[in-house]
Amino acid sequence: DIGDIVRGKDLFLGHSKEKEKLEQNLKNLFKQLYEELKKNNKNEAIKTHYEKDGQNYYKLRNDWWDANRLEVWKAIICKAEQNDKYFRESSSNKGGTYKNCRCASGSVLTNFDYVPQYLR
């Protein structure tokens, strides 16, 4: 659900003060990124692409996630051992869903981050 958090689509309702603080931090980070991208008017296409994005920067956040989700995944699994499991055991599936926490290619195992949370 890191992708949902980054993109501002997280449905978690608990810890509202912490969630608000995190959301504000993300807005500030993406504001800084946007300002850097359009610096010195050299990137007119970027400015035009994001000018209607608003102060939540949802479009930029989505684009950033699309561009960086593999790097985030690599950071998550960097210390995963070969036999670490990706999913916990459930009552119907003993041993986890996948045998290994990483694919041989290092690619992200799923596209769950593009499925709305309420459907997962």
PDB file of N, CA and C in Angstrom:
ATOM      1  N   ASP A   1       0.805  -1.197   0.000  1.00  0.00           N
ATOM      2  CA  ASP A   1       0.000   0.000   0.000  1.00  0.00           C
ATOM      3  C   ASP A   1       0.849   1.264   0.000  1.00  0.00           C
ATOM      4  N   ILE A   2       2.154   1.080  -0.172  1.00  0.00           N
ATOM      5  CA  ILE A   2       3.034   2.241  -0.254  1.00  0.00           C
ATOM      6  C   ILE A   2       2.651   3.089  -1.464  1.00  0.00           C
ATOM      7  N   GLY A   3       2.334   2.428  -2.565  1.00  0.00           N
ATOM      8  CA  GLY A   3       1.912   3.161  -3.756  1.00  0.00           C
ATOM      9  C   GLY A   3       0.669   3.986  -3.506  1.00  0.00           C
ATOM     10  N   ASP A   4      -0.288   3.441  -2.753  1.00  0.00           N
ATOM     11  CA  ASP A   4      -1.504   4.190  -2.428  1.00  0.00           C
ATOM     12  C   ASP A   4      -1.182   5.401  -1.560  1.00  0.00           C
ATOM     13  N   ILE A   5      -0.276   5.225  -0.627  1.00  0.00           N
ATOM     14  CA  ILE A   5       0.117   6.333   0.246  1.00  0.00           C
ATOM     15  C   ILE A   5       0.792   7.426  -0.575  1.00  0.00           C
ATOM     16  N   VAL A   6       1.751   7.047  -1.404  1.00  0.00           N
ATOM     17  CA  VAL A   6       2.465   8.026  -2.231  1.00  0.00           C
ATOM     18  C   VAL A   6       1.492   8.760  -3.142  1.00  0.00           C
ATOM     19  N   ARG A   7       0.559   8.028  -3.743  1.00  0.00           N
ATOM     20  CA  ARG A   7      -0.372   8.624  -4.700  1.00  0.00           C
ATOM     21  C   ARG A   7      -1.555   9.328  -4.041  1.00  0.00           C
ATOM     22  N   GLY A   8      -1.642   9.264  -2.701  1.00  0.00           N
ATOM     23  CA  GLY A   8      -2.730   9.935  -1.993  1.00  0.00           C
ATOM     24  C   GLY A   8      -4.043   9.197  -2.070  1.00  0.00           C
ATOM     25  N   LYS A   9      -3.994   7.867  -2.228  1.00  0.00           N
ATOM     26  CA  LYS A   9      -5.202   7.055  -2.387  1.00  0.00           C
ATOM     27  C   LYS A   9      -5.393   6.052  -1.261  1.00  0.00           C
ATOM     28  N   ASP A  10      -4.656   6.189  -0.176  1.00  0.00           N
ATOM     29  CA  ASP A  10      -4.724   5.226   0.918  1.00  0.00           C
ATOM     30  C   ASP A  10      -6.067   5.324   1.624  1.00  0.00           C
ATOM     31  N   LEU A  11      -6.707   4.184   1.870  1.00  0.00           N
ATOM     32  CA  LEU A  11      -8.021   4.147   2.504  1.00  0.00           C
ATOM     33  C   LEU A  11      -7.957   3.905   4.006  1.00  0.00           C
ATOM     34  N   PHE A  12      -6.772   3.747   4.569  1.00  0.00           N
ATOM     35  CA  PHE A  12      -6.642   3.479   6.001  1.00  0.00           C
ATOM     36  C   PHE A  12      -7.225   4.647   6.789  1.00  0.00           C
ATOM     37  N   LEU A  13      -8.142   4.333   7.717  1.00  0.00           N
ATOM     38  CA  LEU A  13      -8.852   5.377   8.441  1.00  0.00           C
ATOM     39  C   LEU A  13      -8.298   5.641   9.835  1.00  0.00           C
ATOM     40  N   GLY A  14      -7.402   4.821  10.327  1.00  0.00           N
ATOM     41  CA  GLY A  14      -6.868   4.994  11.673  1.00  0.00           C
ATOM     42  C   GLY A  14      -5.770   6.036  11.742  1.00  0.00           C
ATOM     43  N   HIS A  15      -5.444   6.452  12.946  1.00  0.00           N
ATOM     44  CA  HIS A  15      -4.344   7.384  13.220  1.00  0.00           C
ATOM     45  C   HIS A  15      -4.429   8.638  12.351  1.00  0.00           C
ATOM     46  N   SER A  16      -5.540   9.344  12.435  1.00  0.00           N
ATOM     47  CA  SER A  16      -5.785  10.473  11.533  1.00  0.00           C
ATOM     48  C   SER A  16      -4.727  11.569  11.637  1.00  0.00           C
ATOM     49  N   LYS A  17      -4.220  11.857  12.841  1.00  0.00           N
ATOM     50  CA  LYS A  17      -3.202  12.913  12.970  1.00  0.00           C
ATOM     51  C   LYS A  17      -1.906  12.509  12.275  1.00  0.00           C
ATOM     52  N   GLU A  18      -1.528  11.251  12.417  1.00  0.00           N
ATOM     53  CA  GLU A  18      -0.315  10.773  11.751  1.00  0.00           C
ATOM     54  C   GLU A  18      -0.496  10.762  10.240  1.00  0.00           C
ATOM     55  N   LYS A  19      -1.691  10.366   9.802  1.00  0.00           N
ATOM     56  CA  LYS A  19      -1.972  10.341   8.369  1.00  0.00           C
ATOM     57  C   LYS A  19      -1.927  11.759   7.791  1.00  0.00           C
ATOM     58  N   GLU A  20      -2.506  12.717   8.509  1.00  0.00           N
ATOM     59  CA  GLU A  20      -2.479  14.110   8.058  1.00  0.00           C
ATOM     60  C   GLU A  20      -1.043  14.629   7.976  1.00  0.00           C
ATOM     61  N   LYS A  21      -0.239  14.294   8.962  1.00  0.00           N
ATOM     62  CA  LYS A  21       1.165  14.723   8.974  1.00  0.00           C
ATOM     63  C   LYS A  21       1.920  14.116   7.793  1.00  0.00           C
ATOM     64  N   LEU A  22       1.708  12.822   7.553  1.00  0.00           N
ATOM     65  CA  LEU A  22       2.349  12.156   6.423  1.00  0.00           C
ATOM     66  C   LEU A  22       1.906  12.787   5.109  1.00  0.00           C
ATOM     67  N   GLU A  23       0.607  13.020   4.967  1.00  0.00           N
ATOM     68  CA  GLU A  23       0.084  13.610   3.736  1.00  0.00           C
ATOM     69  C   GLU A  23       0.677  15.002   3.512  1.00  0.00           C
ATOM     70  N   GLN A  24       0.787  15.789   4.559  1.00  0.00           N
ATOM     71  CA  GLN A  24       1.371  17.128   4.428  1.00  0.00           C
ATOM     72  C   GLN A  24       2.840  17.040   4.030  1.00  0.00           C
ATOM     73  N   ASN A  25       3.553  16.098   4.606  1.00  0.00           N
ATOM     74  CA  ASN A  25       4.960  15.899   4.230  1.00  0.00           C
ATOM     75  C   ASN A  25       5.089  15.512   2.762  1.00  0.00           C
ATOM     76  N   LEU A  26       4.198  14.636   2.295  1.00  0.00           N
ATOM     77  CA  LEU A  26       4.230  14.239   0.882  1.00  0.00           C
ATOM     78  C   LEU A  26       3.913  15.424  -0.026  1.00  0.00           C
ATOM     79  N   LYS A  27       2.928  16.225   0.345  1.00  0.00           N
ATOM     80  CA  LYS A  27       2.606  17.420  -0.445  1.00  0.00           C
ATOM     81  C   LYS A  27       3.818  18.344  -0.527  1.00  0.00           C
ATOM     82  N   ASN A  28       4.498  18.531   0.597  1.00  0.00           N
ATOM     83  CA  ASN A  28       5.682  19.396   0.609  1.00  0.00           C
ATOM     84  C   ASN A  28       6.798  18.834  -0.266  1.00  0.00           C
ATOM     85  N   LEU A  29       7.016  17.530  -0.189  1.00  0.00           N
ATOM     86  CA  LEU A  29       8.052  16.899  -1.018  1.00  0.00           C
ATOM     87  C   LEU A  29       7.747  17.049  -2.505  1.00  0.00           C
ATOM     88  N   PHE A  30       6.487  16.793  -2.880  1.00  0.00           N
ATOM     89  CA  PHE A  30       6.142  16.875  -4.296  1.00  0.00           C
ATOM     90  C   PHE A  30       6.066  18.319  -4.774  1.00  0.00           C
ATOM     91  N   LYS A  31       5.781  19.245  -3.878  1.00  0.00           N
ATOM     92  CA  LYS A  31       5.854  20.668  -4.233  1.00  0.00           C
ATOM     93  C   LYS A  31       7.301  21.028  -4.558  1.00  0.00           C
ATOM     94  N   GLN A  32       8.228  20.587  -3.712  1.00  0.00           N
ATOM     95  CA  GLN A  32       9.653  20.846  -3.962  1.00  0.00           C
ATOM     96  C   GLN A  32      10.100  20.222  -5.279  1.00  0.00           C
ATOM     97  N   LEU A  33       9.647  18.998  -5.536  1.00  0.00           N
ATOM     98  CA  LEU A  33       9.995  18.328  -6.790  1.00  0.00           C
ATOM     99  C   LEU A  33       9.451  19.110  -7.978  1.00  0.00           C
ATOM    100  N   TYR A  34       8.195  19.536  -7.889  1.00  0.00           N
ATOM    101  CA  TYR A  34       7.582  20.307  -8.970  1.00  0.00           C
ATOM    102  C   TYR A  34       8.340  21.612  -9.208  1.00  0.00           C
ATOM    103  N   GLU A  35       8.665  22.311  -8.133  1.00  0.00           N
ATOM    104  CA  GLU A  35       9.404  23.575  -8.263  1.00  0.00           C
ATOM    105  C   GLU A  35      10.767  23.342  -8.920  1.00  0.00           C
ATOM    106  N   GLU A  36      11.422  22.271  -8.553  1.00  0.00           N
ATOM    107  CA  GLU A  36      12.721  21.943  -9.148  1.00  0.00           C
ATOM    108  C   GLU A  36      12.576  21.602 -10.635  1.00  0.00           C
ATOM    109  N   LEU A  37      11.514  20.874 -10.969  1.00  0.00           N
ATOM    110  CA  LEU A  37      11.299  20.479 -12.364  1.00  0.00           C
ATOM    111  C   LEU A  37      11.032  21.675 -13.273  1.00  0.00           C
ATOM    112  N   LYS A  38      10.350  22.678 -12.768  1.00  0.00           N
ATOM    113  CA  LYS A  38      10.005  23.825 -13.618  1.00  0.00           C
ATOM    114  C   LYS A  38      10.958  25.008 -13.454  1.00  0.00           C
ATOM    115  N   LYS A  39      12.046  24.790 -12.726  1.00  0.00           N
ATOM    116  CA  LYS A  39      13.019  25.848 -12.444  1.00  0.00           C
ATOM    117  C   LYS A  39      13.551  26.481 -13.726  1.00  0.00           C
ATOM    118  N   ASN A  40      13.711  27.787 -13.695  1.00  0.00           N
ATOM    119  CA  ASN A  40      14.299  28.573 -14.787  1.00  0.00           C
ATOM    120  C   ASN A  40      13.524  28.478 -16.098  1.00  0.00           C
ATOM    121  N   ASN A  41      12.271  28.073 -16.030  1.00  0.00           N
ATOM    122  CA  ASN A  41      11.408  27.976 -17.219  1.00  0.00           C
ATOM    123  C   ASN A  41      12.005  27.129 -18.334  1.00  0.00           C
ATOM    124  N   LYS A  42      12.930  26.235 -17.998  1.00  0.00           N
ATOM    125  CA  LYS A  42      13.542  25.374 -19.011  1.00  0.00           C
ATOM    126  C   LYS A  42      12.648  24.189 -19.357  1.00  0.00           C
ATOM    127  N   ASN A  43      11.736  23.875 -18.488  1.00  0.00           N
ATOM    128  CA  ASN A  43      10.882  22.703 -18.688  1.00  0.00           C
ATOM    129  C   ASN A  43       9.431  23.126 -18.871  1.00  0.00           C
ATOM    130  N   GLU A  44       9.165  23.861 -19.920  1.00  0.00           N
ATOM    131  CA  GLU A  44       7.816  24.364 -20.176  1.00  0.00           C
ATOM    132  C   GLU A  44       6.808  23.225 -20.336  1.00  0.00           C
ATOM    133  N   ALA A  45       7.233  22.127 -20.942  1.00  0.00           N
ATOM    134  CA  ALA A  45       6.326  20.980 -21.113  1.00  0.00           C
ATOM    135  C   ALA A  45       5.915  20.409 -19.763  1.00  0.00           C
ATOM    136  N   ILE A  46       6.849  20.346 -18.828  1.00  0.00           N
ATOM    137  CA  ILE A  46       6.540  19.840 -17.485  1.00  0.00           C
ATOM    138  C   ILE A  46       5.590  20.793 -16.786  1.00  0.00           C
ATOM    139  N   LYS A  47       5.873  22.078 -16.889  1.00  0.00           N
ATOM    140  CA  LYS A  47       5.008  23.077 -16.266  1.00  0.00           C
ATOM    141  C   LYS A  47       3.588  22.964 -16.819  1.00  0.00           C
ATOM    142  N   THR A  48       3.461  22.842 -18.122  1.00  0.00           N
ATOM    143  CA  THR A  48       2.150  22.710 -18.751  1.00  0.00           C
ATOM    144  C   THR A  48       1.469  21.410 -18.334  1.00  0.00           C
ATOM    145  N   HIS A  49       2.225  20.337 -18.283  1.00  0.00           N
ATOM    146  CA  HIS A  49       1.670  19.023 -17.935  1.00  0.00           C
ATOM    147  C   HIS A  49       1.072  19.007 -16.530  1.00  0.00           C
ATOM    148  N   TYR A  50       1.698  19.702 -15.592  1.00  0.00           N
ATOM    149  CA  TYR A  50       1.270  19.656 -14.192  1.00  0.00           C
ATOM    150  C   TYR A  50       0.585  20.926 -13.694  1.00  0.00           C
ATOM    151  N   GLU A  51       0.366  21.922 -14.553  1.00  0.00           N
ATOM    152  CA  GLU A  51      -0.134  23.203 -14.061  1.00  0.00           C
ATOM    153  C   GLU A  51      -1.529  23.119 -13.443  1.00  0.00           C
ATOM    154  N   LYS A  52      -2.345  22.165 -13.841  1.00  0.00           N
ATOM    155  CA  LYS A  52      -3.692  22.018 -13.273  1.00  0.00           C
ATOM    156  C   LYS A  52      -3.750  20.934 -12.206  1.00  0.00           C
ATOM    157  N   ASP A  53      -2.607  20.502 -11.738  1.00  0.00           N
ATOM    158  CA  ASP A  53      -2.526  19.396 -10.782  1.00  0.00           C
ATOM    159  C   ASP A  53      -3.034  19.779  -9.398  1.00  0.00           C
ATOM    160  N   GLY A  54      -2.963  21.038  -9.037  1.00  0.00           N
ATOM    161  CA  GLY A  54      -3.410  21.469  -7.715  1.00  0.00           C
ATOM    162  C   GLY A  54      -2.350  21.233  -6.658  1.00  0.00           C
ATOM    163  N   GLN A  55      -2.665  21.616  -5.432  1.00  0.00           N
ATOM    164  CA  GLN A  55      -1.676  21.570  -4.363  1.00  0.00           C
ATOM    165  C   GLN A  55      -1.493  20.192  -3.752  1.00  0.00           C
ATOM    166  N   ASN A  56      -2.253  19.220  -4.208  1.00  0.00           N
ATOM    167  CA  ASN A  56      -2.038  17.842  -3.757  1.00  0.00           C
ATOM    168  C   ASN A  56      -1.035  17.120  -4.646  1.00  0.00           C
ATOM    169  N   TYR A  57      -0.830  17.642  -5.847  1.00  0.00           N
ATOM    170  CA  TYR A  57       0.145  17.093  -6.801  1.00  0.00           C
ATOM    171  C   TYR A  57      -0.139  15.626  -7.137  1.00  0.00           C
ATOM    172  N   TYR A  58      -1.422  15.274  -7.264  1.00  0.00           N
ATOM    173  CA  TYR A  58      -1.782  13.876  -7.519  1.00  0.00           C
ATOM    174  C   TYR A  58      -1.214  13.349  -8.834  1.00  0.00           C
ATOM    175  N   LYS A  59      -1.244  14.150  -9.879  1.00  0.00           N
ATOM    176  CA  LYS A  59      -0.725  13.697 -11.172  1.00  0.00           C
ATOM    177  C   LYS A  59       0.785  13.453 -11.094  1.00  0.00           C
ATOM    178  N   LEU A  60       1.497  14.377 -10.477  1.00  0.00           N
ATOM    179  CA  LEU A  60       2.942  14.223 -10.300  1.00  0.00           C
ATOM    180  C   LEU A  60       3.241  13.020  -9.419  1.00  0.00           C
ATOM    181  N   ARG A  61       2.446  12.831  -8.375  1.00  0.00           N
ATOM    182  CA  ARG A  61       2.642  11.703  -7.471  1.00  0.00           C
ATOM    183  C   ARG A  61       2.422  10.385  -8.206  1.00  0.00           C
ATOM    184  N   ASN A  62       1.392  10.307  -9.039  1.00  0.00           N
ATOM    185  CA  ASN A  62       1.150   9.102  -9.840  1.00  0.00           C
ATOM    186  C   ASN A  62       2.305   8.844 -10.798  1.00  0.00           C
ATOM    187  N   ASP A  63       2.748   9.886 -11.469  1.00  0.00           N
ATOM    188  CA  ASP A  63       3.851   9.734 -12.417  1.00  0.00           C
ATOM    189  C   ASP A  63       5.135   9.316 -11.702  1.00  0.00           C
ATOM    190  N   TRP A  64       5.375   9.912 -10.526  1.00  0.00           N
ATOM    191  CA  TRP A  64       6.561   9.543  -9.758  1.00  0.00           C
ATOM    192  C   TRP A  64       6.492   8.068  -9.371  1.00  0.00           C
ATOM    193  N   TRP A  65       5.324   7.613  -8.911  1.00  0.00           N
ATOM    194  CA  TRP A  65       5.184   6.214  -8.512  1.00  0.00           C
ATOM    195  C   TRP A  65       5.414   5.294  -9.711  1.00  0.00           C
ATOM    196  N   ASP A  66       4.821   5.624 -10.851  1.00  0.00           N
ATOM    197  CA  ASP A  66       5.021   4.808 -12.054  1.00  0.00           C
ATOM    198  C   ASP A  66       6.503   4.699 -12.406  1.00  0.00           C
ATOM    199  N   ALA A  67       7.223   5.799 -12.254  1.00  0.00           N
ATOM    200  CA  ALA A  67       8.641   5.817 -12.618  1.00  0.00           C
ATOM    201  C   ALA A  67       9.539   5.153 -11.575  1.00  0.00           C
ATOM    202  N   ASN A  68       9.102   5.093 -10.320  1.00  0.00           N
ATOM    203  CA  ASN A  68       9.993   4.667  -9.237  1.00  0.00           C
ATOM    204  C   ASN A  68       9.545   3.436  -8.463  1.00  0.00           C
ATOM    205  N   ARG A  69       8.439   2.822  -8.825  1.00  0.00           N
ATOM    206  CA  ARG A  69       7.937   1.690  -8.037  1.00  0.00           C
ATOM    207  C   ARG A  69       8.930   0.529  -7.993  1.00  0.00           C
ATOM    208  N   LEU A  70       9.645   0.299  -9.066  1.00  0.00           N
ATOM    209  CA  LEU A  70      10.641  -0.772  -9.064  1.00  0.00           C
ATOM    210  C   LEU A  70      11.768  -0.460  -8.079  1.00  0.00           C
ATOM    211  N   GLU A  71      12.201   0.786  -8.041  1.00  0.00           N
ATOM    212  CA  GLU A  71      13.268   1.165  -7.109  1.00  0.00           C
ATOM    213  C   GLU A  71      12.801   1.049  -5.660  1.00  0.00           C
ATOM    214  N   VAL A  72      11.542   1.393  -5.402  1.00  0.00           N
ATOM    215  CA  VAL A  72      10.978   1.231  -4.053  1.00  0.00           C
ATOM    216  C   VAL A  72      10.948  -0.251  -3.702  1.00  0.00           C
ATOM    217  N   TRP A  73      10.518  -1.076  -4.652  1.00  0.00           N
ATOM    218  CA  TRP A  73      10.476  -2.524  -4.425  1.00  0.00           C
ATOM    219  C   TRP A  73      11.870  -3.063  -4.109  1.00  0.00           C
ATOM    220  N   LYS A  74      12.866  -2.634  -4.876  1.00  0.00           N
ATOM    221  CA  LYS A  74      14.242  -3.087  -4.632  1.00  0.00           C
ATOM    222  C   LYS A  74      14.703  -2.693  -3.233  1.00  0.00           C
ATOM    223  N   ALA A  75      14.330  -1.501  -2.792  1.00  0.00           N
ATOM    224  CA  ALA A  75      14.701  -1.052  -1.445  1.00  0.00           C
ATOM    225  C   ALA A  75      14.034  -1.917  -0.383  1.00  0.00           C
ATOM    226  N   ILE A  76      12.805  -2.336  -0.631  1.00  0.00           N
ATOM    227  CA  ILE A  76      12.083  -3.176   0.331  1.00  0.00           C
ATOM    228  C   ILE A  76      12.727  -4.553   0.438  1.00  0.00           C
ATOM    229  N   ILE A  77      13.121  -5.120  -0.682  1.00  0.00           N
ATOM    230  CA  ILE A  77      13.625  -6.504  -0.675  1.00  0.00           C
ATOM    231  C   ILE A  77      15.139  -6.610  -0.594  1.00  0.00           C
ATOM    232  N   CYS A  78      15.845  -5.510  -0.456  1.00  0.00           N
ATOM    233  CA  CYS A  78      17.309  -5.563  -0.549  1.00  0.00           C
ATOM    234  C   CYS A  78      17.942  -6.523   0.448  1.00  0.00           C
ATOM    235  N   LYS A  79      17.341  -6.724   1.582  1.00  0.00           N
ATOM    236  CA  LYS A  79      17.892  -7.646   2.580  1.00  0.00           C
ATOM    237  C   LYS A  79      17.101  -8.954   2.665  1.00  0.00           C
ATOM    238  N   ALA A  80      16.172  -9.159   1.765  1.00  0.00           N
ATOM    239  CA  ALA A  80      15.378 -10.390   1.797  1.00  0.00           C
ATOM    240  C   ALA A  80      16.252 -11.578   1.417  1.00  0.00           C
ATOM    241  N   GLU A  81      16.153 -12.613   2.199  1.00  0.00           N
ATOM    242  CA  GLU A  81      16.881 -13.847   1.908  1.00  0.00           C
ATOM    243  C   GLU A  81      16.116 -14.651   0.860  1.00  0.00           C
ATOM    244  N   GLN A  82      16.771 -15.620   0.266  1.00  0.00           N
ATOM    245  CA  GLN A  82      16.189 -16.393  -0.825  1.00  0.00           C
ATOM    246  C   GLN A  82      14.881 -17.085  -0.435  1.00  0.00           C
ATOM    247  N   ASN A  83      14.754 -17.571   0.794  1.00  0.00           N
ATOM    248  CA  ASN A  83      13.552 -18.307   1.190  1.00  0.00           C
ATOM    249  C   ASN A  83      12.554 -17.471   1.981  1.00  0.00           C
ATOM    250  N   ASP A  84      12.734 -16.171   2.051  1.00  0.00           N
ATOM    251  CA  ASP A  84      11.751 -15.323   2.722  1.00  0.00           C
ATOM    252  C   ASP A  84      10.454 -15.336   1.926  1.00  0.00           C
ATOM    253  N   LYS A  85       9.349 -15.252   2.643  1.00  0.00           N
ATOM    254  CA  LYS A  85       8.038 -15.322   1.994  1.00  0.00           C
ATOM    255  C   LYS A  85       7.466 -13.920   1.807  1.00  0.00           C
ATOM    256  N   TYR A  86       6.769 -13.736   0.702  1.00  0.00           N
ATOM    257  CA  TYR A  86       6.177 -12.448   0.367  1.00  0.00           C
ATOM    258  C   TYR A  86       4.866 -12.234   1.115  1.00  0.00           C
ATOM    259  N   PHE A  87       4.036 -13.272   1.210  1.00  0.00           N
ATOM    260  CA  PHE A  87       2.774 -13.194   1.933  1.00  0.00           C
ATOM    261  C   PHE A  87       2.821 -14.099   3.149  1.00  0.00           C
ATOM    262  N   ARG A  88       2.089 -13.732   4.201  1.00  0.00           N
ATOM    263  CA  ARG A  88       1.995 -14.580   5.383  1.00  0.00           C
ATOM    264  C   ARG A  88       1.103 -15.781   5.080  1.00  0.00           C
ATOM    265  N   GLU A  89       1.254 -16.788   5.902  1.00  0.00           N
ATOM    266  CA  GLU A  89       0.388 -17.953   5.770  1.00  0.00           C
ATOM    267  C   GLU A  89      -1.041 -17.567   6.107  1.00  0.00           C
ATOM    268  N   SER A  90      -1.981 -18.200   5.449  1.00  0.00           N
ATOM    269  CA  SER A  90      -3.392 -18.039   5.784  1.00  0.00           C
ATOM    270  C   SER A  90      -3.931 -19.410   6.163  1.00  0.00           C
ATOM    271  N   SER A  91      -5.159 -19.457   6.636  1.00  0.00           N
ATOM    272  CA  SER A  91      -5.727 -20.741   7.043  1.00  0.00           C
ATOM    273  C   SER A  91      -5.871 -21.690   5.860  1.00  0.00           C
ATOM    274  N   SER A  92      -6.034 -21.142   4.660  1.00  0.00           N
ATOM    275  CA  SER A  92      -6.207 -21.993   3.483  1.00  0.00           C
ATOM    276  C   SER A  92      -4.909 -22.239   2.724  1.00  0.00           C
ATOM    277  N   ASN A  93      -3.885 -21.466   3.014  1.00  0.00           N
ATOM    278  CA  ASN A  93      -2.645 -21.594   2.259  1.00  0.00           C
ATOM    279  C   ASN A  93      -1.469 -21.602   3.224  1.00  0.00           C
ATOM    280  N   LYS A  94      -1.001 -22.764   3.559  1.00  0.00           N
ATOM    281  CA  LYS A  94       0.148 -22.885   4.454  1.00  0.00           C
ATOM    282  C   LYS A  94       1.427 -22.679   3.654  1.00  0.00           C
ATOM    283  N   GLY A  95       2.312 -21.875   4.168  1.00  0.00           N
ATOM    284  CA  GLY A  95       3.603 -21.687   3.509  1.00  0.00           C
ATOM    285  C   GLY A  95       3.723 -20.402   2.728  1.00  0.00           C
ATOM    286  N   GLY A  96       2.704 -19.580   2.679  1.00  0.00           N
ATOM    287  CA  GLY A  96       2.787 -18.318   1.944  1.00  0.00           C
ATOM    288  C   GLY A  96       2.423 -18.502   0.488  1.00  0.00           C
ATOM    289  N   THR A  97       2.125 -17.413  -0.158  1.00  0.00           N
ATOM    290  CA  THR A  97       1.684 -17.472  -1.543  1.00  0.00           C
ATOM    291  C   THR A  97       2.833 -17.704  -2.510  1.00  0.00           C
ATOM    292  N   TYR A  98       3.961 -17.096  -2.240  1.00  0.00           N
ATOM    293  CA  TYR A  98       5.135 -17.280  -3.085  1.00  0.00           C
ATOM    294  C   TYR A  98       6.234 -17.916  -2.257  1.00  0.00           C
ATOM    295  N   LYS A  99       7.046 -18.725  -2.892  1.00  0.00           N
ATOM    296  CA  LYS A  99       8.134 -19.368  -2.162  1.00  0.00           C
ATOM    297  C   LYS A  99       9.264 -18.401  -1.882  1.00  0.00           C
ATOM    298  N   ASN A 100       9.468 -17.458  -2.750  1.00  0.00           N
ATOM    299  CA  ASN A 100      10.570 -16.513  -2.566  1.00  0.00           C
ATOM    300  C   ASN A 100      10.041 -15.091  -2.574  1.00  0.00           C
ATOM    301  N   CYS A 101      10.732 -14.242  -1.851  1.00  0.00           N
ATOM    302  CA  CYS A 101      10.334 -12.846  -1.749  1.00  0.00           C
ATOM    303  C   CYS A 101      10.764 -12.046  -2.971  1.00  0.00           C
ATOM    304  N   ARG A 102      11.570 -12.602  -3.799  1.00  0.00           N
ATOM    305  CA  ARG A 102      12.039 -11.856  -4.955  1.00  0.00           C
ATOM    306  C   ARG A 102      11.995 -12.725  -6.213  1.00  0.00           C
ATOM    307  N   CYS A 103      11.740 -12.082  -7.309  1.00  0.00           N
ATOM    308  CA  CYS A 103      11.818 -12.764  -8.598  1.00  0.00           C
ATOM    309  C   CYS A 103      13.285 -12.797  -9.012  1.00  0.00           C
ATOM    310  N   ALA A 104      13.628 -13.726  -9.862  1.00  0.00           N
ATOM    311  CA  ALA A 104      15.009 -13.822 -10.325  1.00  0.00           C
ATOM    312  C   ALA A 104      15.456 -12.517 -10.976  1.00  0.00           C
ATOM    313  N   SER A 105      14.525 -11.841 -11.640  1.00  0.00           N
ATOM    314  CA  SER A 105      14.853 -10.584 -12.315  1.00  0.00           C
ATOM    315  C   SER A 105      14.859  -9.394 -11.378  1.00  0.00           C
ATOM    316  N   GLY A 106      14.352  -9.575 -10.132  1.00  0.00           N
ATOM    317  CA  GLY A 106      14.247  -8.459  -9.203  1.00  0.00           C
ATOM    318  C   GLY A 106      13.029  -7.596  -9.461  1.00  0.00           C
ATOM    319  N   SER A 107      12.175  -8.029 -10.392  1.00  0.00           N
ATOM    320  CA  SER A 107      11.002  -7.228 -10.728  1.00  0.00           C
ATOM    321  C   SER A 107       9.952  -7.301  -9.626  1.00  0.00           C
ATOM    322  N   VAL A 108       9.054  -6.332  -9.627  1.00  0.00           N
ATOM    323  CA  VAL A 108       7.962  -6.294  -8.664  1.00  0.00           C
ATOM    324  C   VAL A 108       7.078  -7.506  -8.913  1.00  0.00           C
ATOM    325  N   LEU A 109       6.690  -8.199  -7.835  1.00  0.00           N
ATOM    326  CA  LEU A 109       5.937  -9.441  -7.986  1.00  0.00           C
ATOM    327  C   LEU A 109       4.518  -9.249  -8.489  1.00  0.00           C
ATOM    328  N   THR A 110       3.899  -8.138  -8.161  1.00  0.00           N
ATOM    329  CA  THR A 110       2.486  -7.969  -8.499  1.00  0.00           C
ATOM    330  C   THR A 110       2.216  -6.595  -9.074  1.00  0.00           C
ATOM    331  N   ASN A 111       1.019  -6.437  -9.563  1.00  0.00           N
ATOM    332  CA  ASN A 111       0.502  -5.127  -9.939  1.00  0.00           C
ATOM    333  C   ASN A 111      -0.619  -4.725  -8.993  1.00  0.00           C
ATOM    334  N   PHE A 112      -0.620  -5.293  -7.779  1.00  0.00           N
ATOM    335  CA  PHE A 112      -1.668  -4.984  -6.808  1.00  0.00           C
ATOM    336  C   PHE A 112      -1.761  -3.491  -6.523  1.00  0.00           C
ATOM    337  N   ASP A 113      -0.667  -2.768  -6.654  1.00  0.00           N
ATOM    338  CA  ASP A 113      -0.714  -1.343  -6.337  1.00  0.00           C
ATOM    339  C   ASP A 113      -1.558  -0.555  -7.334  1.00  0.00           C
ATOM    340  N   TYR A 114      -1.947  -1.175  -8.442  1.00  0.00           N
ATOM    341  CA  TYR A 114      -2.832  -0.512  -9.394  1.00  0.00           C
ATOM    342  C   TYR A 114      -4.280  -0.977  -9.262  1.00  0.00           C
ATOM    343  N   VAL A 115      -4.539  -1.922  -8.370  1.00  0.00           N
ATOM    344  CA  VAL A 115      -5.899  -2.378  -8.086  1.00  0.00           C
ATOM    345  C   VAL A 115      -6.404  -1.557  -6.903  1.00  0.00           C
ATOM    346  N   PRO A 116      -7.601  -0.975  -6.994  1.00  0.00           N
ATOM    347  CA  PRO A 116      -8.112  -0.201  -5.858  1.00  0.00           C
ATOM    348  C   PRO A 116      -8.089  -1.020  -4.571  1.00  0.00           C
ATOM    349  N   GLN A 117      -7.750  -0.363  -3.458  1.00  0.00           N
ATOM    350  CA  GLN A 117      -7.595  -1.059  -2.182  1.00  0.00           C
ATOM    351  C   GLN A 117      -8.829  -1.863  -1.804  1.00  0.00           C
ATOM    352  N   TYR A 118     -10.006  -1.318  -2.027  1.00  0.00           N
ATOM    353  CA  TYR A 118     -11.216  -2.008  -1.592  1.00  0.00           C
ATOM    354  C   TYR A 118     -11.467  -3.302  -2.364  1.00  0.00           C
ATOM    355  N   LEU A 119     -10.756  -3.517  -3.457  1.00  0.00           N
ATOM    356  CA  LEU A 119     -10.899  -4.758  -4.226  1.00  0.00           C
ATOM    357  C   LEU A 119      -9.819  -5.782  -3.901  1.00  0.00           C
ATOM    358  N   ARG A 120      -8.831  -5.408  -3.104  1.00  0.00           N
ATOM    359  CA  ARG A 120      -7.752  -6.341  -2.769  1.00  0.00           C
ATOM    360  C   ARG A 120      -8.122  -7.182  -1.586  1.00  0.00           C
TER     361      ARG A 120
END
